[in-house]
N, C-alpha and C. Protein backbone atom coordinates (compact mmCIF):
# COMPACT_ATOMS: atom_id res chain seq x y z
N MET A 1 94.81 45.68 90.09
CA MET A 1 93.96 46.37 90.87
C MET A 1 92.92 45.70 91.29
N GLY A 2 92.45 46.28 92.64
CA GLY A 2 91.48 44.91 93.06
C GLY A 2 91.04 46.04 93.97
N PHE A 3 89.79 45.40 94.35
CA PHE A 3 89.23 46.19 95.65
C PHE A 3 89.49 45.44 97.15
N HIS A 4 90.00 45.82 98.11
CA HIS A 4 90.00 45.34 99.14
C HIS A 4 89.97 45.22 100.01
N ILE A 5 89.53 44.23 100.77
CA ILE A 5 88.36 43.86 101.90
C ILE A 5 88.95 43.78 103.08
N CYS A 6 89.29 44.38 103.88
CA CYS A 6 89.74 44.25 104.79
C CYS A 6 89.11 43.35 106.23
N THR A 7 89.71 41.89 106.83
CA THR A 7 89.18 41.22 106.67
C THR A 7 88.61 40.92 108.27
N ALA A 8 89.08 42.07 109.10
CA ALA A 8 89.25 42.54 110.46
C ALA A 8 87.46 43.15 110.59
N CYS A 9 87.27 43.83 110.27
CA CYS A 9 85.87 44.66 109.88
C CYS A 9 85.43 44.76 108.62
N GLY A 10 85.79 44.43 107.62
CA GLY A 10 84.80 44.10 106.42
C GLY A 10 84.60 45.21 105.88
N THR A 11 85.36 46.14 105.76
CA THR A 11 85.37 47.33 104.75
C THR A 11 85.76 47.32 103.30
N GLN A 12 85.30 47.61 103.18
CA GLN A 12 86.08 47.33 101.08
C GLN A 12 86.50 49.24 100.34
N PHE A 13 87.79 49.23 100.22
CA PHE A 13 88.19 50.15 99.90
C PHE A 13 88.83 50.37 98.38
N ASP A 14 88.80 51.39 98.03
CA ASP A 14 88.79 51.75 96.50
C ASP A 14 89.91 51.11 96.20
N GLU A 15 89.55 51.02 94.57
CA GLU A 15 90.69 50.33 93.85
C GLU A 15 91.86 50.64 93.98
N ARG A 16 93.13 49.49 93.73
CA ARG A 16 94.19 49.50 94.08
C ARG A 16 94.79 48.56 93.92
N LEU A 17 96.46 48.92 92.98
CA LEU A 17 96.95 47.69 93.15
C LEU A 17 97.06 46.85 94.72
N LYS A 18 98.12 47.25 95.65
CA LYS A 18 98.58 46.58 96.77
C LYS A 18 96.86 47.12 97.95
N PRO A 19 96.87 46.15 98.85
CA PRO A 19 96.30 46.61 100.19
C PRO A 19 96.49 47.41 100.96
N PRO A 20 95.94 48.04 101.22
CA PRO A 20 96.07 50.02 102.26
C PRO A 20 97.19 48.93 103.18
N PRO A 21 98.11 50.08 103.93
CA PRO A 21 98.77 49.46 104.28
C PRO A 21 98.18 49.09 105.82
N ALA A 22 97.05 50.38 106.22
CA ALA A 22 95.75 49.69 107.53
C ALA A 22 94.74 49.98 106.97
N CYS A 23 94.09 49.91 107.96
CA CYS A 23 92.56 50.12 108.23
C CYS A 23 92.57 50.78 109.11
N PRO A 24 91.69 52.16 108.83
CA PRO A 24 91.25 52.98 109.41
C PRO A 24 90.52 53.08 110.09
N ILE A 25 89.17 52.39 109.76
CA ILE A 25 88.45 51.66 110.90
C ILE A 25 89.16 50.95 112.13
N CYS A 26 89.90 50.02 111.57
CA CYS A 26 90.24 48.93 112.55
C CYS A 26 91.28 49.62 113.49
N GLU A 27 92.11 50.78 112.99
CA GLU A 27 92.74 51.44 114.03
C GLU A 27 92.18 52.58 115.06
N ASP A 28 91.09 52.69 114.61
CA ASP A 28 90.05 53.34 115.56
C ASP A 28 89.92 52.95 117.31
N ASP A 29 89.74 53.13 117.93
CA ASP A 29 88.98 52.98 119.42
C ASP A 29 88.46 52.36 119.38
N ARG A 30 87.37 51.71 118.60
CA ARG A 30 85.99 51.64 118.43
C ARG A 30 85.93 50.11 117.57
N GLN A 31 86.91 49.40 117.01
CA GLN A 31 87.44 48.76 116.27
C GLN A 31 88.44 47.70 117.00
N PHE A 32 88.86 47.28 116.04
CA PHE A 32 90.78 46.99 117.08
C PHE A 32 91.74 46.40 115.05
N VAL A 33 92.60 46.07 115.73
CA VAL A 33 93.42 45.44 114.40
C VAL A 33 93.69 44.14 115.32
N PRO A 34 93.88 43.11 114.71
CA PRO A 34 93.68 41.35 115.04
C PRO A 34 95.10 41.66 115.77
N ALA A 35 95.25 40.71 116.35
CA ALA A 35 96.88 40.23 117.33
C ALA A 35 97.80 40.26 115.91
N SER A 36 97.21 38.89 114.58
CA SER A 36 98.12 38.32 113.87
C SER A 36 98.22 39.58 112.80
N GLY A 37 97.83 40.95 112.71
CA GLY A 37 97.93 42.06 112.05
C GLY A 37 97.34 41.81 111.17
N GLN A 38 97.39 43.12 110.09
CA GLN A 38 95.55 43.13 109.32
C GLN A 38 95.91 42.38 108.04
N ALA A 39 94.92 41.91 107.03
CA ALA A 39 94.80 40.93 106.79
C ALA A 39 93.73 41.39 105.68
N TRP A 40 93.66 40.83 104.14
CA TRP A 40 92.45 41.72 103.12
C TRP A 40 92.56 40.09 102.40
N THR A 41 90.88 40.53 102.00
CA THR A 41 90.40 39.14 100.67
C THR A 41 89.75 40.52 99.67
N ASP A 42 89.34 40.17 98.67
CA ASP A 42 88.22 41.06 97.65
C ASP A 42 86.63 39.59 97.48
N ILE A 43 86.16 40.72 96.87
CA ILE A 43 84.53 39.70 97.25
C ILE A 43 85.10 38.60 96.23
N ALA A 44 85.22 38.51 95.31
CA ALA A 44 85.46 36.93 94.62
C ALA A 44 86.06 36.14 95.70
N ALA A 45 86.97 36.11 96.22
CA ALA A 45 87.85 35.36 96.77
C ALA A 45 86.58 34.83 98.13
N LEU A 46 86.12 35.91 98.61
CA LEU A 46 85.24 35.87 99.94
C LEU A 46 83.96 34.82 99.36
N GLY A 47 83.65 35.00 98.16
CA GLY A 47 82.74 34.34 97.85
C GLY A 47 82.45 33.05 97.38
N ARG A 48 84.04 32.02 97.26
CA ARG A 48 84.38 31.19 97.07
C ARG A 48 84.28 29.94 98.52
N THR A 49 84.20 30.78 99.46
CA THR A 49 84.28 30.48 100.80
C THR A 49 83.09 30.40 102.04
N HIS A 50 82.31 31.92 101.45
CA HIS A 50 80.91 32.31 101.82
C HIS A 50 79.51 32.34 101.10
N ASP A 51 78.70 32.11 101.95
CA ASP A 51 77.38 32.57 100.91
C ASP A 51 76.84 33.91 101.83
N VAL A 52 75.41 34.06 101.59
CA VAL A 52 74.93 35.53 101.79
C VAL A 52 73.42 34.64 102.34
N THR A 53 73.58 34.64 103.85
CA THR A 53 71.74 33.65 104.12
C THR A 53 70.96 34.82 104.45
N TRP A 54 69.87 34.05 104.09
CA TRP A 54 68.27 34.90 104.41
C TRP A 54 67.46 34.55 105.54
N ARG A 55 66.83 35.21 106.49
CA ARG A 55 65.74 34.96 107.47
C ARG A 55 65.19 35.76 107.14
N GLN A 56 63.69 34.95 107.51
CA GLN A 56 62.29 36.38 107.45
C GLN A 56 61.87 36.85 108.52
N GLU A 57 62.70 37.83 109.78
CA GLU A 57 62.39 37.95 110.70
C GLU A 57 61.07 39.03 111.17
N ALA A 58 59.88 39.29 110.01
CA ALA A 58 58.89 39.47 110.12
C ALA A 58 58.16 39.54 108.96
N GLY A 59 56.98 40.44 109.15
CA GLY A 59 56.41 40.81 107.54
C GLY A 59 56.98 41.69 107.04
N GLY A 60 57.47 41.19 105.90
CA GLY A 60 58.44 42.26 105.00
C GLY A 60 59.55 43.06 105.79
N ILE A 61 60.26 42.01 106.12
CA ILE A 61 61.91 42.25 107.43
C ILE A 61 61.98 40.84 106.86
N HIS A 62 63.08 41.15 106.29
CA HIS A 62 64.31 40.38 106.19
C HIS A 62 66.12 40.33 106.75
N SER A 63 66.29 39.47 107.02
CA SER A 63 67.62 39.82 107.28
C SER A 63 68.28 39.02 107.04
N LEU A 64 69.70 39.50 106.30
CA LEU A 64 70.44 38.92 105.56
C LEU A 64 71.60 38.94 106.10
N GLN A 65 73.00 37.57 106.49
CA GLN A 65 73.89 37.64 106.87
C GLN A 65 74.83 36.99 106.09
N VAL A 66 76.11 37.19 106.25
CA VAL A 66 76.85 36.66 105.80
C VAL A 66 77.42 34.93 106.48
N SER A 67 77.67 33.83 105.88
CA SER A 67 77.90 32.35 106.07
C SER A 67 78.95 31.75 105.91
N PRO A 68 79.65 31.25 106.34
CA PRO A 68 80.27 31.70 108.03
C PRO A 68 80.52 32.57 107.86
N ASP A 69 80.29 33.14 109.40
CA ASP A 69 80.58 34.74 109.91
C ASP A 69 82.16 35.42 109.38
N PHE A 70 81.57 35.96 108.89
CA PHE A 70 82.93 37.16 108.20
C PHE A 70 82.98 38.42 109.09
N ALA A 71 84.70 38.78 109.35
CA ALA A 71 84.70 40.27 109.63
C ALA A 71 84.06 40.68 111.41
N ILE A 72 83.71 40.96 111.27
CA ILE A 72 82.20 41.13 112.37
C ILE A 72 81.15 41.03 112.62
N GLY A 73 80.91 40.08 112.06
CA GLY A 73 78.99 39.17 111.51
C GLY A 73 78.03 40.31 111.03
N GLN A 74 78.53 41.18 110.77
CA GLN A 74 77.29 42.47 110.28
C GLN A 74 76.37 41.59 110.20
N ARG A 75 75.04 42.30 110.53
CA ARG A 75 74.34 41.54 109.31
C ARG A 75 73.05 42.95 108.70
N ALA A 76 72.60 42.37 107.69
CA ALA A 76 71.72 44.02 107.12
C ALA A 76 70.44 43.17 107.38
N PHE A 77 69.63 43.92 106.91
CA PHE A 77 67.72 44.45 106.81
C PHE A 77 67.16 44.90 105.35
N LEU A 78 66.50 44.12 104.77
CA LEU A 78 65.84 44.57 103.76
C LEU A 78 64.63 44.77 104.18
N ILE A 79 64.00 45.63 104.21
CA ILE A 79 62.78 45.98 104.47
C ILE A 79 61.99 46.46 103.63
N GLU A 80 60.70 45.27 103.12
CA GLU A 80 59.88 46.26 102.20
C GLU A 80 58.95 46.83 102.52
N SER A 81 58.37 47.98 101.11
CA SER A 81 57.95 49.48 101.56
C SER A 81 57.34 49.62 100.02
N PRO A 82 56.20 50.08 100.04
CA PRO A 82 55.45 50.22 98.85
C PRO A 82 55.72 50.92 98.20
N ASP A 83 56.48 52.21 98.89
CA ASP A 83 57.53 53.27 98.17
C ASP A 83 58.82 52.80 97.71
N GLY A 84 59.44 51.51 97.93
CA GLY A 84 60.55 50.64 97.64
C GLY A 84 61.02 50.71 98.61
N ASN A 85 61.30 49.39 98.27
CA ASN A 85 62.44 48.83 99.47
C ASN A 85 63.76 49.14 100.20
N ILE A 86 63.59 49.38 101.18
CA ILE A 86 65.53 49.83 101.76
C ILE A 86 66.18 49.01 102.56
N LEU A 87 67.60 49.08 101.79
CA LEU A 87 68.73 47.83 102.30
C LEU A 87 69.19 49.28 103.56
N TRP A 88 68.94 48.14 104.95
CA TRP A 88 69.20 48.80 106.33
C TRP A 88 71.13 47.79 106.09
N ASP A 89 71.65 48.77 106.01
CA ASP A 89 73.21 48.59 106.52
C ASP A 89 73.41 47.54 105.60
N CYS A 90 74.75 46.99 105.20
CA CYS A 90 75.47 46.02 104.30
C CYS A 90 76.21 45.20 104.73
N LEU A 91 76.53 44.35 104.04
CA LEU A 91 77.46 43.18 104.11
C LEU A 91 78.61 43.66 103.34
N SER A 92 79.44 42.50 103.65
CA SER A 92 80.93 42.95 102.33
C SER A 92 80.95 42.05 101.31
N LEU A 93 79.78 40.52 101.55
CA LEU A 93 79.58 39.86 100.14
C LEU A 93 78.07 40.30 99.70
N ILE A 94 77.95 40.23 98.07
CA ILE A 94 77.04 40.22 97.54
C ILE A 94 76.82 39.26 96.66
N ASP A 95 76.21 38.51 96.23
CA ASP A 95 75.87 37.41 95.50
C ASP A 95 75.18 37.31 94.66
N GLU A 96 74.84 36.42 93.44
CA GLU A 96 73.88 36.79 92.23
C GLU A 96 72.47 36.26 93.15
N ALA A 97 72.55 34.96 93.91
CA ALA A 97 71.50 35.11 94.02
C ALA A 97 70.67 36.23 95.70
N SER A 98 71.28 36.86 95.60
CA SER A 98 71.25 38.11 96.66
C SER A 98 70.44 39.05 95.96
N ILE A 99 71.07 39.51 94.66
CA ILE A 99 71.08 40.20 93.68
C ILE A 99 69.45 39.36 92.86
N ASN A 100 68.96 38.66 92.87
CA ASN A 100 67.72 38.23 92.07
C ASN A 100 66.50 38.34 93.41
N ARG A 101 66.77 37.78 94.51
CA ARG A 101 65.86 37.95 95.00
C ARG A 101 65.33 38.99 95.30
N ILE A 102 66.65 40.09 95.45
CA ILE A 102 65.98 41.39 95.47
C ILE A 102 65.31 42.11 94.58
N GLY A 103 65.88 42.21 93.45
CA GLY A 103 65.07 41.78 92.76
C GLY A 103 63.25 41.22 92.05
N ALA A 104 63.27 40.41 92.86
CA ALA A 104 61.82 39.80 92.29
C ALA A 104 61.03 40.03 93.59
N LEU A 105 61.68 40.51 94.80
CA LEU A 105 60.75 41.40 96.01
C LEU A 105 60.73 43.05 95.14
N GLY A 106 61.02 43.57 94.01
CA GLY A 106 60.62 44.98 93.73
C GLY A 106 61.47 45.86 93.22
N GLY A 107 63.28 45.67 94.01
CA GLY A 107 64.29 46.19 94.03
C GLY A 107 64.65 47.15 95.00
N LEU A 108 65.54 47.84 94.78
CA LEU A 108 65.13 48.57 96.03
C LEU A 108 65.41 50.05 95.46
N SER A 109 65.15 51.04 96.61
CA SER A 109 64.83 52.28 96.42
C SER A 109 65.97 53.17 97.19
N ALA A 110 66.44 52.38 98.38
CA ALA A 110 67.22 53.36 99.22
C ALA A 110 68.55 52.48 99.51
N ILE A 111 70.04 52.07 99.77
CA ILE A 111 70.32 51.60 100.99
C ILE A 111 70.89 52.68 102.15
N ALA A 112 70.58 52.68 103.18
CA ALA A 112 70.96 53.37 104.37
C ALA A 112 71.96 52.05 105.14
N ILE A 113 73.41 53.13 105.53
CA ILE A 113 73.46 53.04 106.62
C ILE A 113 74.37 53.46 108.01
N SER A 114 73.39 52.45 108.94
CA SER A 114 73.77 53.35 110.29
C SER A 114 75.35 53.63 110.93
N HIS A 115 75.96 53.27 110.79
CA HIS A 115 77.06 53.86 111.17
C HIS A 115 78.60 52.93 110.13
N PRO A 116 79.74 53.33 110.78
CA PRO A 116 80.97 52.95 109.49
C PRO A 116 81.22 51.43 109.43
N HIS A 117 81.15 50.47 110.28
CA HIS A 117 81.18 49.21 110.46
C HIS A 117 80.32 48.43 109.37
N PHE A 118 79.20 49.13 108.82
CA PHE A 118 78.40 48.40 108.01
C PHE A 118 78.65 49.13 106.54
N TYR A 119 79.75 49.71 106.19
CA TYR A 119 79.98 50.23 104.81
C TYR A 119 80.61 49.01 104.33
N THR A 120 81.49 48.11 104.55
CA THR A 120 81.58 46.75 104.05
C THR A 120 81.41 47.08 102.72
N SER A 121 81.17 46.77 101.96
CA SER A 121 80.56 46.89 100.29
C SER A 121 79.75 47.52 100.00
N MET A 122 79.17 48.73 100.09
CA MET A 122 78.10 49.04 99.73
C MET A 122 77.90 49.73 98.55
N MET A 123 79.15 49.93 98.04
CA MET A 123 79.18 50.88 96.60
C MET A 123 78.97 49.34 94.91
N GLU A 124 79.36 48.47 96.10
CA GLU A 124 78.61 46.86 95.07
C GLU A 124 77.67 47.06 95.92
N TRP A 125 77.13 46.55 96.31
CA TRP A 125 75.13 46.93 96.10
C TRP A 125 74.61 47.32 95.44
N SER A 126 75.30 48.83 96.10
CA SER A 126 74.63 49.96 95.12
C SER A 126 74.81 49.82 93.40
N SER A 127 75.77 49.20 92.41
CA SER A 127 76.03 49.31 91.08
C SER A 127 75.24 48.15 91.35
N ALA A 128 75.41 46.76 92.51
CA ALA A 128 74.51 45.63 90.95
C ALA A 128 73.49 45.68 91.66
N LEU A 129 72.80 46.75 92.09
CA LEU A 129 70.80 46.78 92.07
C LEU A 129 71.03 48.16 91.49
N GLY A 130 71.61 48.31 90.81
CA GLY A 130 70.95 49.63 89.64
C GLY A 130 70.99 50.86 89.49
N ASP A 131 72.49 51.32 90.74
CA ASP A 131 73.03 52.28 91.04
C ASP A 131 72.10 52.98 92.29
N VAL A 132 72.01 52.02 93.18
CA VAL A 132 70.56 52.63 93.93
C VAL A 132 71.39 53.91 95.04
N PRO A 133 70.75 55.13 95.34
CA PRO A 133 71.00 55.65 96.13
C PRO A 133 71.77 55.55 98.00
N ILE A 134 72.59 55.34 98.48
CA ILE A 134 73.09 55.06 99.97
C ILE A 134 72.89 56.47 100.41
N TYR A 135 72.44 56.11 101.45
CA TYR A 135 72.00 57.25 102.48
C TYR A 135 73.11 56.90 104.06
N ILE A 136 73.97 58.19 104.53
CA ILE A 136 74.76 57.95 105.35
C ILE A 136 75.04 59.05 106.24
N HIS A 137 75.11 59.60 107.23
CA HIS A 137 75.24 60.72 107.68
C HIS A 137 76.51 61.62 107.20
N SER A 138 76.77 62.66 107.03
CA SER A 138 78.06 63.54 107.45
C SER A 138 79.15 63.54 108.08
N ASP A 139 77.82 63.39 109.64
CA ASP A 139 79.29 62.91 110.28
C ASP A 139 79.99 61.85 110.24
N ASP A 140 79.70 61.01 109.49
CA ASP A 140 79.98 59.75 109.71
C ASP A 140 81.48 59.57 108.11
N GLY A 141 81.14 60.98 107.66
CA GLY A 141 81.39 60.83 106.10
C GLY A 141 83.35 60.32 105.95
N GLU A 142 83.92 61.15 107.05
CA GLU A 142 85.22 61.14 107.19
C GLU A 142 85.87 59.09 107.18
N TRP A 143 85.32 58.18 107.44
CA TRP A 143 85.08 57.12 107.72
C TRP A 143 84.82 56.06 105.96
N VAL A 144 84.55 56.58 105.20
CA VAL A 144 84.21 56.09 103.93
C VAL A 144 85.52 55.74 103.28
N GLN A 145 85.56 54.58 102.80
CA GLN A 145 87.05 53.76 102.86
C GLN A 145 87.11 53.72 100.89
N ARG A 146 85.60 53.78 100.21
CA ARG A 146 85.27 53.36 98.64
C ARG A 146 84.00 54.23 98.45
N SER A 147 84.24 55.07 97.47
CA SER A 147 82.85 56.05 97.50
C SER A 147 82.80 56.04 96.07
N GLY A 148 81.73 56.65 95.81
CA GLY A 148 81.03 56.31 94.45
C GLY A 148 80.53 57.58 94.37
N GLY A 149 79.56 57.77 92.66
CA GLY A 149 78.36 58.53 92.95
C GLY A 149 77.09 58.54 93.67
N ALA A 150 76.85 56.97 93.94
CA ALA A 150 75.48 56.65 94.26
C ALA A 150 75.88 57.28 95.90
N LEU A 151 77.05 57.77 96.62
CA LEU A 151 76.94 58.07 97.72
C LEU A 151 76.21 59.48 98.20
N ASN A 152 75.47 59.71 99.05
CA ASN A 152 74.61 61.06 99.66
C ASN A 152 74.87 60.79 101.15
N GLN A 153 75.43 61.58 101.55
CA GLN A 153 76.26 62.42 102.75
C GLN A 153 74.81 63.31 103.07
N TRP A 154 73.57 63.07 104.13
CA TRP A 154 72.78 63.74 104.63
C TRP A 154 73.70 64.59 105.56
N LYS A 155 72.49 65.75 106.06
CA LYS A 155 72.89 66.33 107.34
C LYS A 155 71.62 66.79 108.18
N GLY A 156 72.00 66.51 109.26
CA GLY A 156 70.68 67.07 110.18
C GLY A 156 70.48 65.94 110.85
N GLU A 157 69.25 66.20 111.62
CA GLU A 157 68.74 64.59 112.69
C GLU A 157 68.04 64.21 111.84
N SER A 158 67.50 64.72 110.63
CA SER A 158 66.60 63.39 109.71
C SER A 158 66.51 63.66 108.24
N VAL A 159 66.14 62.51 108.21
CA VAL A 159 66.09 62.68 106.31
C VAL A 159 64.91 61.59 105.84
N GLN A 160 64.08 62.60 105.14
CA GLN A 160 62.95 61.06 104.40
C GLN A 160 62.82 60.88 103.32
N LEU A 161 63.45 59.85 103.24
CA LEU A 161 63.11 58.30 101.97
C LEU A 161 61.58 57.75 101.57
N GLY A 162 60.84 58.99 100.82
CA GLY A 162 59.52 58.24 100.43
C GLY A 162 59.01 58.31 102.28
N ARG A 163 58.05 57.56 102.04
CA ARG A 163 57.50 57.63 103.63
C ARG A 163 58.51 57.06 104.86
N SER A 164 60.01 56.81 104.83
CA SER A 164 60.46 56.02 106.00
C SER A 164 61.59 57.51 106.43
N THR A 165 61.75 57.60 107.65
CA THR A 165 62.29 58.48 107.87
C THR A 165 63.70 58.23 108.88
N LEU A 166 64.89 58.38 107.62
CA LEU A 166 66.35 57.93 108.76
C LEU A 166 65.96 59.16 109.93
N ILE A 167 66.86 58.48 110.82
CA ILE A 167 67.20 59.39 112.36
C ILE A 167 68.24 59.22 112.96
N ARG A 168 68.72 60.32 112.64
CA ARG A 168 70.41 60.65 113.36
C ARG A 168 70.38 60.60 114.91
N CYS A 169 70.81 59.03 115.41
CA CYS A 169 70.52 58.65 117.04
C CYS A 169 72.30 59.02 117.03
N GLY A 170 72.77 58.77 116.33
CA GLY A 170 74.71 59.51 117.81
C GLY A 170 74.71 57.21 118.05
N GLY A 171 75.64 57.75 118.87
CA GLY A 171 76.14 57.46 119.96
C GLY A 171 77.66 56.15 118.96
N HIS A 172 77.46 55.29 119.03
CA HIS A 172 79.05 54.40 118.71
C HIS A 172 79.67 55.20 117.62
N PHE A 173 79.16 55.79 116.61
CA PHE A 173 79.86 56.94 115.62
C PHE A 173 78.91 58.10 115.62
N PRO A 174 79.61 59.60 115.86
CA PRO A 174 78.81 60.57 115.93
C PRO A 174 76.93 60.77 114.51
N GLY A 175 77.12 60.04 113.50
CA GLY A 175 76.57 60.39 111.92
C GLY A 175 75.61 59.06 113.14
């Protein structure tokens, strides 16, 4: 059994013996299935060839990215806040160095995902950081490939996370 990750879009799937026959996110018009076909990996294999790199973008804002680039080159942001830090979007890989660095910065109070191309390994991130709640808009709920108790699907045009506000902007996906 394993949690397979699509190498084209970086999305992690529920635990299963064999990889899924296809990735619904890649089969959607907003993504693509590579000409070579669907391929799969997992976090352990990805961690043997890739790292998570950090960059200070501004005071209290850090970007995280898998290096070398993986899938569609997603980038996440750790936003420091007095009410608790928020991870905006996720990466397919989580590593011990990032877990430790986030802990040294005060941990996380929430993970907020902008749209399905960033669902990646959101459940792994949540679990590794103390079952941090994950917020996605319910309009994008059909795209979740790995669910769990930390997942919160919010409705409406905005939701408060302490002093921070998530706003549904629409665009690439409905939520």
